[in-house]
């Protein structure tokens, strides 16, 4: 992955998160963050 692609991808993800927080609030992001950490822990266990 080139630096340009990584930068564009990062900007797209950041703008999507910003738009989501502005339109819907941030309560569900906390829930999704907790589920993501649980999933990473589960993957580490099976590794």
N, C-alpha and C. Protein backbone atom coordinates (compact mmCIF):
# COMPACT_ATOMS: atom_id res chain seq x y z
N UNK A 1 0.85 -1.16 0.00
CA UNK A 1 0.00 0.00 0.00
C UNK A 1 0.90 1.23 0.00
N UNK A 2 0.63 2.12 -0.90
CA UNK A 2 1.44 3.34 -0.99
C UNK A 2 0.99 4.35 0.06
N UNK A 3 1.81 5.34 0.28
CA UNK A 3 1.47 6.38 1.25
C UNK A 3 0.22 7.14 0.83
N UNK A 4 0.09 7.39 -0.45
CA UNK A 4 -1.07 8.13 -0.94
C UNK A 4 -2.37 7.36 -0.69
N UNK A 5 -2.37 6.06 -0.95
CA UNK A 5 -3.57 5.25 -0.73
C UNK A 5 -3.89 5.19 0.76
N UNK A 6 -2.88 5.04 1.60
CA UNK A 6 -3.10 4.99 3.05
C UNK A 6 -3.67 6.31 3.56
N UNK A 7 -3.16 7.42 3.05
CA UNK A 7 -3.66 8.72 3.46
C UNK A 7 -5.11 8.92 3.04
N UNK A 8 -5.43 8.57 1.81
CA UNK A 8 -6.81 8.71 1.33
C UNK A 8 -7.75 7.80 2.12
N UNK A 9 -7.34 6.57 2.35
CA UNK A 9 -8.16 5.64 3.13
C UNK A 9 -8.37 6.15 4.55
N UNK A 10 -7.33 6.67 5.17
CA UNK A 10 -7.46 7.24 6.51
C UNK A 10 -8.40 8.44 6.53
N UNK A 11 -8.31 9.30 5.54
CA UNK A 11 -9.21 10.46 5.47
C UNK A 11 -10.66 10.04 5.26
N UNK A 12 -10.87 9.03 4.43
CA UNK A 12 -12.24 8.54 4.19
C UNK A 12 -12.82 7.96 5.48
N UNK A 13 -12.04 7.17 6.20
CA UNK A 13 -12.53 6.58 7.45
C UNK A 13 -12.79 7.66 8.49
N UNK A 14 -11.89 8.61 8.60
CA UNK A 14 -12.05 9.70 9.56
C UNK A 14 -13.27 10.56 9.24
N UNK A 15 -13.48 10.87 7.97
CA UNK A 15 -14.64 11.68 7.59
C UNK A 15 -15.94 10.89 7.79
N UNK A 16 -15.93 9.58 7.56
CA UNK A 16 -17.13 8.77 7.79
C UNK A 16 -17.47 8.74 9.28
N UNK A 17 -16.47 8.59 10.12
CA UNK A 17 -16.72 8.60 11.57
C UNK A 17 -17.22 9.96 12.04
N UNK A 18 -16.63 11.02 11.52
CA UNK A 18 -17.07 12.37 11.88
C UNK A 18 -18.51 12.61 11.47
N UNK A 19 -18.85 12.23 10.26
CA UNK A 19 -20.22 12.39 9.77
C UNK A 19 -21.19 11.56 10.60
N UNK A 20 -20.80 10.36 10.97
CA UNK A 20 -21.65 9.50 11.79
C UNK A 20 -21.89 10.10 13.17
N UNK A 21 -20.86 10.67 13.77
CA UNK A 21 -21.02 11.29 15.08
C UNK A 21 -21.90 12.52 14.99
N UNK A 22 -21.74 13.31 13.95
CA UNK A 22 -22.55 14.53 13.80
C UNK A 22 -24.02 14.18 13.60
N UNK A 23 -24.29 13.16 12.81
CA UNK A 23 -25.68 12.82 12.50
C UNK A 23 -26.35 11.94 13.56
N UNK A 24 -25.61 11.04 14.19
CA UNK A 24 -26.24 10.05 15.07
C UNK A 24 -25.78 10.10 16.51
N UNK A 25 -24.77 10.85 16.84
CA UNK A 25 -24.24 10.84 18.19
C UNK A 25 -23.15 9.79 18.33
N UNK A 26 -22.53 9.74 19.47
CA UNK A 26 -21.37 8.87 19.63
C UNK A 26 -21.61 7.69 20.56
N UNK A 27 -22.83 7.47 21.02
CA UNK A 27 -23.07 6.39 21.97
C UNK A 27 -22.80 5.03 21.36
N UNK A 28 -23.21 4.84 20.11
CA UNK A 28 -23.02 3.53 19.49
C UNK A 28 -21.56 3.27 19.13
N UNK A 29 -20.75 4.30 18.99
CA UNK A 29 -19.33 4.09 18.71
C UNK A 29 -18.61 3.45 19.89
N UNK A 30 -19.05 3.79 21.09
CA UNK A 30 -18.46 3.17 22.28
C UNK A 30 -18.79 1.68 22.30
N UNK A 31 -20.03 1.33 21.98
CA UNK A 31 -20.44 -0.07 21.92
C UNK A 31 -19.65 -0.82 20.86
N UNK A 32 -19.53 -0.23 19.68
CA UNK A 32 -18.79 -0.89 18.61
C UNK A 32 -17.31 -1.02 18.94
N UNK A 33 -16.75 -0.03 19.62
CA UNK A 33 -15.36 -0.12 20.05
C UNK A 33 -15.13 -1.25 21.04
N UNK A 34 -16.06 -1.41 21.97
CA UNK A 34 -15.95 -2.51 22.93
C UNK A 34 -16.05 -3.86 22.23
N UNK A 35 -16.96 -3.96 21.28
CA UNK A 35 -17.12 -5.22 20.55
C UNK A 35 -15.88 -5.51 19.69
N UNK A 36 -15.26 -4.45 19.16
CA UNK A 36 -14.06 -4.65 18.36
C UNK A 36 -12.92 -5.20 19.23
N UNK A 37 -12.76 -4.66 20.44
CA UNK A 37 -11.72 -5.15 21.35
C UNK A 37 -12.00 -6.59 21.78
N UNK A 38 -13.28 -6.92 22.00
CA UNK A 38 -13.63 -8.30 22.33
C UNK A 38 -13.29 -9.23 21.17
N UNK A 39 -13.56 -8.78 19.96
CA UNK A 39 -13.26 -9.59 18.77
C UNK A 39 -11.76 -9.79 18.60
N UNK A 40 -10.97 -8.75 18.84
CA UNK A 40 -9.52 -8.86 18.74
C UNK A 40 -8.99 -9.83 19.79
N UNK A 41 -9.54 -9.76 20.99
CA UNK A 41 -9.13 -10.68 22.04
C UNK A 41 -9.50 -12.12 21.67
N UNK A 42 -10.67 -12.31 21.08
CA UNK A 42 -11.10 -13.64 20.66
C UNK A 42 -10.19 -14.17 19.55
N UNK A 43 -9.81 -13.31 18.60
CA UNK A 43 -8.91 -13.73 17.55
C UNK A 43 -7.53 -14.10 18.10
N UNK A 44 -7.06 -13.34 19.07
CA UNK A 44 -5.76 -13.62 19.67
C UNK A 44 -5.78 -14.96 20.38
N UNK A 45 -6.91 -15.32 20.97
CA UNK A 45 -7.03 -16.60 21.64
C UNK A 45 -6.90 -17.75 20.64
N UNK A 46 -7.55 -17.62 19.50
CA UNK A 46 -7.54 -18.71 18.51
C UNK A 46 -6.25 -18.73 17.68
N UNK A 47 -5.46 -17.75 17.80
CA UNK A 47 -4.20 -17.70 17.08
C UNK A 47 -3.23 -18.64 17.72
